[in-house]
Amino acid sequence: QIADTTYGGFGQAPKFPNASNLSFMFRYSKLSGISKFEKFALLTLKKMAKGGIFDQIGGGFHRYSTDARWLVPHFEKMLYDNALLPIVYSEAYQITKDPFFENVVKKTLDYVIREMTSSDNTFFSAQDADTNGEEGQTFVWKKQEIEKILGEDSEIFCIYYDVTDGGNFEGNTILANNINASSLAFKFGKNEAEIQNIISKCSDKLLEVRNKREQPGKDDKVITSWNGLMISAFLSGYRITDNSKYLDVAKKSIDFFESNFEKNHILHRTFKNGKPKLNGYLDDYAYMANASIDMFENTSDPKYLLFAINLANYLITHFWDDSSNGFFFTADNHEKLIMRPKNNYDLSMPSGNSVAAHVLLRLHHITQNKQFLEITKKIIESQATSAAENPFAFGYLLNVLYLYYQKPTEITIINDKNFELVSSLRKKFLPESIMVLVKNEKDLATLSKYSFFSGKEFQQNKTNVFVCKNFSCSLPLSNLSEIEKEL
């Protein structure tokens, strides 16, 4: 009812990204067979990535659009947007295999590496909208400036990004793409790849010039929960690109938080210049536990599974409220408040309760810990009516419900020797599955105490895949078509 079928997104201006709701549309479309939900989510993602809300040459998403077309953003960049959006764009790529979506993921993650990463391998919180008190000054262009920098290539670039003499924002131009490269190829007598190469080369030149301008201020506070989201985003990028750079970035970051937890036995809310401040909140534990499961799924390193389990147990011990079947936002050892707050709504970020339910559900299927499943059920049952009445405010929880009721398919990949097979499975859209890649025999031996891994053998020169559902497992499979039949 509030979907904008012309420009995508929900409602009119201002428009905010709603990553969790778009992810749910992909899942609901798969579940129901009704394609219009998937098509709408893909339309929204395309319109956003072509609009001014996406930094066309530097990568990354601005906070929101002041208009319905996604053209004029509020220029602030928040870490959490640039974590949540690459995850849903990765899903769009898995569904469509359209390199457009993959490119958005890469440009966004590369922006975070380049501009939002600390010397501790953690991630800063935000980049300001203003430079010298003027909103967007760093990001906008005049046509004459572009022509001077790009020379003869400027004509193609200016048509591609709708750059005009009068501009579209206070006499300047916010770059936005409204024409396909194929149309430009026809107009200029080139092939599409040549046009894309020209656009890419021009973008690099303009970014080099832009980097010499005065830059917006940066909030260099490191927020644990937002870092958890960002780690998950890098792992999503790794799965669809096979670029180990993204895995390395995620690993260095999560190792920072894991070592601090080992030393202090708590998560801290924030860090500044490497120094911790404040005890962590629900979101910090839930988001970081979710990221740790993601890391475990991609590496099979038992320390990440243990980290996730320890965080989950800490949540249950210190945050759980059995009287209302939900988690408090603050721990029982936090400073005393008149009332301990709770938040169940998935708005600009998922609620800690929704993510905690996801964490516990995933951990239950890996460890068979019944307490994890019982608490997941309590959260779901306590929120189901509200989610049905107001689904827009429970997008992430609806994704958890999807996984819960589908009863996850458990996929174990033993040995990554067959790179093509592993890569093909990673690039599939399998939201109803939990997929773990076991890279070595030592990890498998350590993990064999869990039923998810028991009875599975490691073969040195062969990749085997086990597909399990409802406590019944396939034989070891090494052929993609056989695996697809099981899925």
Protein backbone atom coordinates (compact mmCIF):
# COMPACT_ATOMS: atom_id res chain seq x y z
CA GLN A 1 0.00 0.00 0.00
CA ILE A 2 2.88 2.43 0.63
CA ALA A 3 5.13 1.05 -2.11
CA ASP A 4 6.24 3.53 -4.78
CA THR A 5 6.03 1.41 -7.94
CA THR A 6 7.62 4.14 -10.09
CA TYR A 7 10.81 4.93 -8.19
CA GLY A 8 10.86 2.11 -5.66
CA GLY A 9 10.98 2.47 -1.92
CA PHE A 10 8.17 3.14 0.50
CA GLY A 11 6.08 6.28 0.82
CA GLN A 12 6.98 9.70 -0.49
CA ALA A 13 9.82 12.06 0.39
CA PRO A 14 11.90 11.86 2.46
CA LYS A 15 12.80 8.28 1.58
CA PHE A 16 14.99 6.07 3.70
CA PRO A 17 16.56 2.75 2.70
CA ASN A 18 14.68 -0.17 4.24
CA ALA A 19 17.10 -3.04 3.80
CA SER A 20 15.34 -5.55 6.06
CA ASN A 21 11.99 -5.06 4.33
CA LEU A 22 13.55 -5.53 0.91
CA SER A 23 15.25 -8.73 2.12
CA PHE A 24 11.89 -9.99 3.33
CA MET A 25 10.32 -9.26 -0.06
CA PHE A 26 12.89 -11.58 -1.64
CA ARG A 27 12.01 -14.29 0.86
CA TYR A 28 8.25 -13.84 0.59
CA SER A 29 8.47 -13.95 -3.19
CA LYS A 30 10.40 -17.22 -3.02
CA LEU A 31 7.96 -18.68 -0.49
CA SER A 32 4.76 -17.59 -2.24
CA GLY A 33 5.85 -17.77 -5.87
CA ILE A 34 4.49 -14.24 -6.37
CA SER A 35 7.16 -12.46 -8.39
CA LYS A 36 5.91 -8.90 -7.93
CA PHE A 37 7.51 -8.65 -4.48
CA GLU A 38 10.93 -9.63 -5.80
CA LYS A 39 10.53 -7.30 -8.78
CA PHE A 40 9.65 -4.39 -6.53
CA ALA A 41 12.67 -4.98 -4.29
CA LEU A 42 14.96 -5.17 -7.33
CA LEU A 43 13.42 -1.98 -8.77
CA THR A 44 14.06 -0.18 -5.48
CA LEU A 45 17.67 -1.33 -5.31
CA LYS A 46 18.31 -0.29 -8.94
CA LYS A 47 16.73 3.14 -8.51
CA MET A 48 18.67 3.80 -5.31
CA ALA A 49 21.99 2.73 -6.80
CA LYS A 50 21.45 4.89 -9.88
CA GLY A 51 20.34 7.90 -7.83
CA GLY A 52 22.14 10.59 -5.92
CA ILE A 53 21.65 8.75 -2.64
CA PHE A 54 24.48 6.49 -3.86
CA ASP A 55 27.88 8.14 -4.19
CA GLN A 56 28.46 7.32 -7.84
CA ILE A 57 32.21 7.85 -7.94
CA GLY A 58 33.26 7.22 -4.33
CA GLY A 59 30.87 4.44 -3.38
CA GLY A 60 28.69 4.21 -0.29
CA PHE A 61 25.17 5.40 0.48
CA HIS A 62 24.12 8.73 1.91
CA ARG A 63 21.59 8.73 4.75
CA TYR A 64 18.30 9.35 2.91
CA SER A 65 16.74 11.03 -0.11
CA THR A 66 14.93 14.35 0.25
CA ASP A 67 12.83 13.57 -2.84
CA ALA A 68 10.89 10.59 -4.16
CA ARG A 69 13.38 9.90 -6.99
CA TRP A 70 16.40 9.19 -4.76
CA LEU A 71 18.16 12.16 -6.42
CA VAL A 72 18.98 14.71 -3.71
CA PRO A 73 20.30 13.07 -0.55
CA HIS A 74 20.99 14.27 2.92
CA PHE A 75 24.73 13.81 2.36
CA GLU A 76 25.65 12.26 5.71
CA LYS A 77 26.93 8.69 5.43
CA MET A 78 26.17 6.29 8.28
CA LEU A 79 28.16 3.10 8.81
CA TYR A 80 25.03 1.04 9.48
CA ASP A 81 23.46 1.96 6.11
CA ASN A 82 26.69 0.99 4.39
CA ALA A 83 26.56 -2.35 6.20
CA LEU A 84 22.90 -3.27 5.80
CA LEU A 85 22.63 -2.28 2.14
CA PRO A 86 25.54 -4.37 0.78
CA ILE A 87 23.89 -7.39 2.38
CA VAL A 88 20.62 -6.92 0.49
CA TYR A 89 22.48 -5.98 -2.71
CA SER A 90 24.41 -9.25 -2.34
CA GLU A 91 21.09 -11.08 -2.15
CA ALA A 92 19.95 -9.24 -5.30
CA TYR A 93 23.08 -10.47 -7.05
CA GLN A 94 22.50 -14.04 -5.86
CA ILE A 95 18.97 -13.92 -7.28
CA THR A 96 19.72 -12.23 -10.61
CA LYS A 97 23.48 -12.75 -11.20
CA ASP A 98 23.36 -9.18 -12.53
CA PRO A 99 26.86 -7.66 -12.18
CA PHE A 100 25.21 -4.27 -11.54
CA PHE A 101 24.35 -5.38 -8.00
CA GLU A 102 27.77 -6.93 -7.43
CA ASN A 103 29.40 -3.65 -8.46
CA VAL A 104 27.33 -1.69 -5.91
CA VAL A 105 28.50 -4.09 -3.19
CA LYS A 106 32.14 -3.73 -4.19
CA LYS A 107 32.03 0.06 -4.45
CA THR A 108 30.36 0.35 -1.04
CA LEU A 109 32.74 -2.02 0.73
CA ASP A 110 35.74 -0.39 -0.92
CA TYR A 111 34.51 3.00 0.29
CA VAL A 112 34.39 1.68 3.87
CA ILE A 113 37.91 0.23 3.57
CA ARG A 114 39.25 3.46 2.11
CA GLU A 115 37.55 6.06 4.28
CA MET A 116 35.94 4.47 7.33
CA THR A 117 38.52 2.00 8.66
CA SER A 118 40.64 2.69 11.75
CA SER A 119 44.21 1.64 12.46
CA ASP A 120 42.70 -1.03 14.78
CA ASN A 121 40.85 -2.55 11.79
CA THR A 122 37.53 -1.36 13.19
CA PHE A 123 35.05 0.97 11.49
CA PHE A 124 34.14 4.58 12.17
CA SER A 125 30.53 5.61 12.72
CA ALA A 126 29.67 8.36 10.25
CA GLN A 127 30.75 10.98 7.77
CA ASP A 128 29.18 14.45 8.01
CA ALA A 129 26.89 15.97 5.40
CA ASP A 130 28.53 19.40 5.51
CA THR A 131 31.86 20.80 4.43
CA ASN A 132 32.55 24.36 5.59
CA GLY A 133 28.93 24.61 6.69
CA GLU A 134 27.66 23.80 3.20
CA GLU A 135 25.75 20.58 2.67
CA GLY A 136 27.16 18.28 -0.01
CA GLN A 137 29.95 20.65 -1.02
CA THR A 138 32.49 17.84 -1.33
CA PHE A 139 30.25 15.65 -3.48
CA VAL A 140 28.74 17.97 -6.15
CA TRP A 141 30.15 19.20 -9.47
CA LYS A 142 29.90 21.94 -12.05
CA LYS A 143 29.84 20.87 -15.69
CA GLN A 144 32.73 23.15 -16.64
CA GLU A 145 34.90 21.56 -13.94
CA ILE A 146 34.16 18.06 -15.22
CA GLU A 147 34.91 19.09 -18.81
CA LYS A 148 38.25 20.53 -17.77
CA ILE A 149 39.25 17.38 -15.87
CA LEU A 150 37.99 14.77 -18.34
CA GLY A 151 38.55 16.42 -21.71
CA GLU A 152 37.00 14.58 -24.66
CA ASP A 153 35.57 11.82 -22.43
CA SER A 154 33.47 14.40 -20.58
CA GLU A 155 30.65 14.26 -23.14
CA ILE A 156 29.98 10.57 -22.51
CA PHE A 157 30.36 11.01 -18.75
CA CYS A 158 28.03 14.03 -18.59
CA ILE A 159 25.30 12.29 -20.58
CA TYR A 160 25.63 9.15 -18.47
CA TYR A 161 25.33 11.05 -15.20
CA ASP A 162 22.91 13.74 -16.39
CA VAL A 163 25.35 16.62 -15.84
CA THR A 164 23.97 19.93 -17.18
CA ASP A 165 25.04 23.57 -17.21
CA GLY A 166 22.28 24.51 -14.76
CA GLY A 167 22.78 21.50 -12.49
CA ASN A 168 20.18 19.80 -10.32
CA PHE A 169 21.20 21.08 -6.88
CA GLU A 170 21.75 24.77 -6.19
CA GLY A 171 23.57 25.32 -9.50
CA ASN A 172 25.71 22.20 -9.07
CA THR A 173 25.14 18.61 -10.18
CA ILE A 174 24.62 15.56 -8.01
CA LEU A 175 25.69 12.64 -10.18
CA ALA A 176 22.81 10.28 -10.99
CA ASN A 177 22.48 7.77 -13.81
CA ASN A 178 19.33 7.81 -15.95
CA ILE A 179 20.59 6.22 -19.18
CA ASN A 180 21.89 2.76 -20.02
CA ALA A 181 25.42 2.23 -21.27
CA SER A 182 23.95 0.40 -24.27
CA SER A 183 22.17 3.58 -25.40
CA LEU A 184 25.41 5.54 -25.16
CA ALA A 185 27.25 2.81 -27.04
CA PHE A 186 24.83 3.18 -29.94
CA LYS A 187 25.06 6.98 -29.90
CA PHE A 188 28.87 7.06 -29.89
CA GLY A 189 29.53 4.03 -32.10
CA LYS A 190 31.23 2.03 -29.35
CA ASN A 191 30.43 -1.24 -27.62
CA GLU A 192 28.99 -1.34 -24.12
CA ALA A 193 32.23 -2.51 -22.50
CA GLU A 194 34.08 0.48 -23.98
CA ILE A 195 31.48 2.86 -22.54
CA GLN A 196 31.75 1.23 -19.11
CA ASN A 197 35.54 1.49 -19.22
CA ILE A 198 35.33 5.21 -20.07
CA ILE A 199 32.87 5.82 -17.21
CA SER A 200 35.10 3.91 -14.78
CA LYS A 201 38.25 5.74 -15.89
CA CYS A 202 36.48 9.12 -15.63
CA SER A 203 35.13 8.26 -12.17
CA ASP A 204 38.64 7.44 -10.95
CA LYS A 205 39.93 10.79 -12.23
CA LEU A 206 37.12 12.73 -10.56
CA LEU A 207 37.57 10.84 -7.28
CA GLU A 208 41.25 11.73 -7.31
CA VAL A 209 40.33 15.41 -7.70
CA ARG A 210 37.56 15.16 -5.10
CA ASN A 211 39.92 13.67 -2.55
CA LYS A 212 41.99 16.86 -2.74
CA ARG A 213 38.98 18.95 -1.71
CA GLU A 214 38.28 19.65 1.92
CA GLN A 215 36.50 16.58 3.26
CA PRO A 216 33.43 16.33 5.51
CA GLY A 217 34.06 15.75 9.20
CA LYS A 218 34.09 12.21 10.48
CA ASP A 219 32.72 10.67 13.65
CA ASP A 220 35.65 8.40 14.47
CA LYS A 221 33.86 6.70 17.36
CA VAL A 222 33.75 2.92 16.92
CA ILE A 223 30.34 1.46 17.86
CA THR A 224 30.44 -2.28 18.49
CA SER A 225 26.96 -3.09 17.16
CA TRP A 226 27.50 -1.18 13.92
CA ASN A 227 30.85 -2.92 13.49
CA GLY A 228 29.06 -6.25 13.83
CA LEU A 229 26.79 -5.26 10.94
CA MET A 230 29.78 -4.17 8.89
CA ILE A 231 31.61 -7.45 9.45
CA SER A 232 28.54 -9.32 8.18
CA ALA A 233 28.47 -7.04 5.13
CA PHE A 234 32.09 -7.78 4.26
CA LEU A 235 31.36 -11.50 4.51
CA SER A 236 28.36 -11.10 2.19
CA GLY A 237 30.66 -9.35 -0.26
CA TYR A 238 33.22 -12.13 0.06
CA ARG A 239 30.61 -14.78 -0.75
CA ILE A 240 29.48 -13.18 -4.00
CA THR A 241 32.86 -11.90 -5.25
CA ASP A 242 35.28 -14.60 -4.01
CA ASN A 243 37.59 -11.70 -3.16
CA SER A 244 39.58 -12.71 -0.09
CA LYS A 245 40.28 -9.03 0.61
CA TYR A 246 36.79 -8.74 2.10
CA LEU A 247 37.26 -11.86 4.24
CA ASP A 248 40.57 -10.49 5.54
CA VAL A 249 38.99 -7.14 6.49
CA ALA A 250 36.16 -8.91 8.33
CA LYS A 251 38.56 -11.25 10.13
CA LYS A 252 40.84 -8.46 11.37
CA SER A 253 37.86 -6.53 12.68
CA ILE A 254 36.11 -9.37 14.49
CA ASP A 255 39.42 -10.49 16.00
CA PHE A 256 39.69 -7.06 17.64
CA PHE A 257 36.33 -7.53 19.39
CA GLU A 258 36.89 -11.21 20.18
CA SER A 259 40.22 -10.51 21.88
CA ASN A 260 38.70 -7.67 23.90
CA PHE A 261 35.88 -9.96 25.01
CA GLU A 262 38.38 -12.66 26.01
CA LYS A 263 40.33 -10.11 28.07
CA ASN A 264 37.43 -8.24 29.71
CA HIS A 265 34.63 -10.87 29.61
CA ILE A 266 32.24 -8.20 28.31
CA LEU A 267 31.67 -6.29 25.11
CA HIS A 268 32.06 -2.53 25.29
CA ARG A 269 29.67 -0.19 23.55
CA THR A 270 32.25 2.12 21.97
CA PHE A 271 35.95 2.59 21.35
CA LYS A 272 37.84 5.80 20.69
CA ASN A 273 41.49 5.55 19.66
CA GLY A 274 41.37 1.92 20.74
CA LYS A 275 40.15 2.70 24.26
CA PRO A 276 36.83 1.16 25.38
CA LYS A 277 33.96 3.08 26.91
CA LEU A 278 30.61 1.97 28.37
CA ASN A 279 29.34 -1.56 28.80
CA GLY A 280 27.69 -3.04 25.75
CA TYR A 281 23.96 -2.98 25.05
CA LEU A 282 21.73 -5.69 23.61
CA ASP A 283 22.49 -4.61 20.03
CA ASP A 284 26.23 -4.90 20.60
CA TYR A 285 25.99 -8.51 21.74
CA ALA A 286 23.36 -9.58 19.20
CA TYR A 287 24.94 -7.98 16.12
CA MET A 288 28.43 -9.17 17.02
CA ALA A 289 27.22 -12.71 17.71
CA ASN A 290 25.50 -12.74 14.32
CA ALA A 291 28.70 -11.56 12.65
CA SER A 292 30.67 -14.25 14.46
CA ILE A 293 28.35 -16.95 13.12
CA ASP A 294 28.82 -15.48 9.64
CA MET A 295 32.59 -15.66 10.11
CA PHE A 296 32.35 -19.24 11.35
CA GLU A 297 30.25 -20.27 8.35
CA ASN A 298 32.91 -18.92 6.00
CA THR A 299 36.05 -20.14 7.80
CA SER A 300 35.01 -23.07 10.05
CA ASP A 301 37.35 -21.71 12.71
CA PRO A 302 35.85 -23.04 15.97
CA LYS A 303 36.89 -19.90 17.87
CA TYR A 304 34.22 -17.89 16.03
CA LEU A 305 31.53 -20.42 16.90
CA LEU A 306 32.69 -20.32 20.53
CA PHE A 307 32.66 -16.50 20.47
CA ALA A 308 29.07 -16.52 19.20
CA ILE A 309 28.01 -19.08 21.82
CA ASN A 310 29.64 -17.08 24.63
CA LEU A 311 27.91 -13.89 23.49
CA ALA A 312 24.58 -15.72 23.27
CA ASN A 313 24.97 -17.12 26.77
CA TYR A 314 25.88 -13.66 28.06
CA LEU A 315 22.71 -12.30 26.45
CA ILE A 316 20.55 -14.92 28.13
CA THR A 317 22.19 -14.48 31.54
CA HIS A 318 22.25 -10.69 31.66
CA PHE A 319 19.57 -9.35 29.26
CA TRP A 320 16.71 -11.88 29.16
CA ASP A 321 13.33 -10.98 30.70
CA ASP A 322 11.37 -14.18 31.18
CA SER A 323 8.28 -12.29 32.35
CA SER A 324 7.69 -10.69 28.94
CA ASN A 325 9.64 -13.02 26.64
CA GLY A 326 12.14 -10.50 25.35
CA PHE A 327 15.56 -9.01 25.92
CA PHE A 328 16.13 -5.76 27.77
CA PHE A 329 18.27 -3.18 25.98
CA THR A 330 20.57 -2.93 29.02
CA ALA A 331 22.21 -5.72 31.02
CA ASP A 332 21.39 -6.49 34.65
CA ASN A 333 24.86 -5.24 35.62
CA HIS A 334 24.36 -1.89 33.87
CA GLU A 335 23.87 1.31 35.82
CA LYS A 336 20.44 1.30 37.49
CA LEU A 337 17.67 2.97 35.48
CA ILE A 338 14.13 3.85 36.52
CA MET A 339 12.97 1.42 33.86
CA ARG A 340 15.08 -0.92 31.74
CA PRO A 341 14.11 -0.15 28.14
CA LYS A 342 13.12 -2.63 25.43
CA ASN A 343 12.88 -2.17 21.69
CA ASN A 344 11.21 -4.57 19.29
CA TYR A 345 10.92 -2.48 16.13
CA ASP A 346 13.12 -2.99 13.07
CA LEU A 347 13.50 0.55 11.76
CA SER A 348 16.71 2.08 10.36
CA MET A 349 18.47 -0.82 12.08
CA PRO A 350 17.10 -4.21 13.18
CA SER A 351 16.03 -4.43 16.80
CA GLY A 352 18.33 -6.29 19.16
CA ASN A 353 15.51 -8.72 19.94
CA SER A 354 15.06 -9.65 16.28
CA VAL A 355 18.78 -10.19 15.75
CA ALA A 356 19.10 -12.12 19.02
CA ALA A 357 16.31 -14.44 17.87
CA HIS A 358 18.20 -14.98 14.60
CA VAL A 359 21.44 -15.69 16.47
CA LEU A 360 19.84 -18.21 18.81
CA LEU A 361 17.99 -19.95 15.98
CA ARG A 362 21.18 -20.34 13.95
CA LEU A 363 23.16 -21.53 16.97
CA HIS A 364 20.46 -24.05 17.86
CA HIS A 365 20.75 -25.70 14.47
CA ILE A 366 24.53 -25.86 14.74
CA THR A 367 24.78 -26.94 18.40
CA GLN A 368 21.34 -28.47 19.14
CA ASN A 369 21.17 -26.38 22.33
CA LYS A 370 17.45 -26.56 23.16
CA GLN A 371 17.49 -23.43 25.31
CA PHE A 372 18.48 -21.39 22.27
CA LEU A 373 15.45 -22.69 20.36
CA GLU A 374 13.07 -22.18 23.29
CA ILE A 375 14.03 -18.51 23.65
CA THR A 376 13.78 -17.99 19.89
CA LYS A 377 10.23 -19.38 19.99
CA LYS A 378 9.30 -17.12 22.90
CA ILE A 379 10.50 -14.01 21.07
CA ILE A 380 8.72 -15.00 17.87
CA GLU A 381 5.46 -15.85 19.64
CA SER A 382 5.49 -12.63 21.67
CA GLN A 383 5.98 -10.48 18.54
CA ALA A 384 4.08 -12.40 15.84
CA THR A 385 0.78 -10.54 16.24
CA SER A 386 2.45 -7.13 16.17
CA ALA A 387 4.48 -8.15 13.12
CA ALA A 388 1.33 -9.29 11.31
CA GLU A 389 -0.43 -6.01 12.10
CA ASN A 390 2.52 -3.78 11.20
CA PRO A 391 4.94 -5.76 9.02
CA PHE A 392 6.77 -2.63 7.87
CA ALA A 393 8.18 -2.18 11.40
CA PHE A 394 9.27 -5.83 11.76
CA GLY A 395 11.19 -6.53 8.55
CA TYR A 396 14.12 -8.30 10.18
CA LEU A 397 11.91 -10.36 12.48
CA LEU A 398 9.90 -11.49 9.44
CA ASN A 399 13.15 -12.77 7.93
CA VAL A 400 13.77 -14.73 11.14
CA LEU A 401 10.21 -16.09 10.99
CA TYR A 402 10.87 -17.24 7.44
CA LEU A 403 13.96 -19.19 8.54
CA TYR A 404 12.17 -20.58 11.60
CA TYR A 405 9.10 -21.90 9.78
CA GLN A 406 11.05 -23.17 6.78
CA LYS A 407 13.15 -25.33 9.15
CA PRO A 408 16.64 -24.54 7.88
CA THR A 409 18.38 -26.77 5.39
CA GLU A 410 21.82 -27.57 6.81
CA ILE A 411 24.56 -27.52 4.17
CA THR A 412 28.05 -28.67 5.09
CA ILE A 413 30.82 -28.23 2.54
CA ILE A 414 33.82 -30.38 3.45
CA ASN A 415 37.09 -29.14 1.90
CA ASP A 416 37.26 -26.18 -0.48
CA LYS A 417 39.45 -28.05 -3.00
CA ASN A 418 36.78 -27.69 -5.71
CA PHE A 419 36.75 -23.91 -5.82
CA GLU A 420 34.15 -23.70 -8.61
CA LEU A 421 31.68 -25.81 -6.66
CA VAL A 422 32.16 -23.81 -3.45
CA SER A 423 31.84 -20.53 -5.35
CA SER A 424 28.66 -21.67 -7.11
CA LEU A 425 27.02 -22.60 -3.81
CA ARG A 426 28.00 -19.31 -2.18
CA LYS A 427 26.44 -17.39 -5.04
CA LYS A 428 23.05 -19.09 -4.66
CA PHE A 429 20.18 -17.37 -2.87
CA LEU A 430 19.44 -19.87 -0.10
CA PRO A 431 17.82 -17.87 2.71
CA GLU A 432 16.31 -20.98 4.27
CA SER A 433 19.71 -22.59 4.77
CA ILE A 434 22.65 -22.60 7.16
CA MET A 435 25.79 -23.31 5.15
CA VAL A 436 29.20 -23.98 6.71
CA LEU A 437 32.42 -24.47 4.77
CA VAL A 438 34.87 -26.71 6.68
CA LYS A 439 38.31 -25.93 5.31
CA ASN A 440 40.53 -28.44 7.10
CA GLU A 441 40.55 -31.76 8.91
CA LYS A 442 41.55 -30.25 12.26
CA ASP A 443 38.48 -28.00 12.36
CA LEU A 444 36.20 -30.91 11.44
CA ALA A 445 37.64 -33.01 14.28
CA THR A 446 37.03 -30.19 16.76
CA LEU A 447 33.50 -29.61 15.48
CA SER A 448 32.46 -33.27 15.29
CA LYS A 449 30.93 -33.07 18.78
CA TYR A 450 28.07 -31.15 17.17
CA SER A 451 25.52 -33.21 15.22
CA PHE A 452 25.73 -30.69 12.37
CA PHE A 453 29.22 -32.08 11.63
CA SER A 454 29.26 -35.56 13.15
CA GLY A 455 29.71 -38.51 10.83
CA LYS A 456 31.18 -36.39 8.05
CA GLU A 457 34.64 -37.29 6.80
CA PHE A 458 37.35 -35.05 5.36
CA GLN A 459 38.87 -36.19 2.07
CA GLN A 460 42.13 -34.46 1.19
CA ASN A 461 41.64 -34.10 -2.56
CA LYS A 462 37.89 -33.85 -2.86
CA THR A 463 35.09 -31.48 -1.94
CA ASN A 464 32.00 -33.21 -0.54
CA VAL A 465 28.71 -31.53 0.25
CA PHE A 466 26.10 -32.82 2.72
CA VAL A 467 22.55 -31.49 2.56
CA CYS A 468 20.50 -32.19 5.69
CA LYS A 469 16.85 -31.46 6.44
CA ASN A 470 14.68 -32.66 9.34
CA PHE A 471 17.54 -34.79 10.74
CA SER A 472 17.97 -36.62 7.43
CA CYS A 473 21.17 -36.12 5.43
CA SER A 474 22.11 -36.79 1.84
CA LEU A 475 25.04 -38.94 0.86
CA PRO A 476 28.24 -36.97 0.24
CA LEU A 477 27.71 -35.08 -3.02
CA SER A 478 30.37 -33.58 -5.29
CA ASN A 479 28.33 -32.72 -8.38
CA LEU A 480 26.53 -29.38 -8.54
CA SER A 481 23.45 -30.72 -10.32
CA GLU A 482 23.04 -33.44 -7.66
CA ILE A 483 23.33 -30.84 -4.91
CA GLU A 484 20.78 -28.59 -6.62
CA LYS A 485 18.29 -31.48 -6.68
CA GLU A 486 18.69 -31.88 -2.92
CA LEU A 487 18.21 -28.14 -2.40
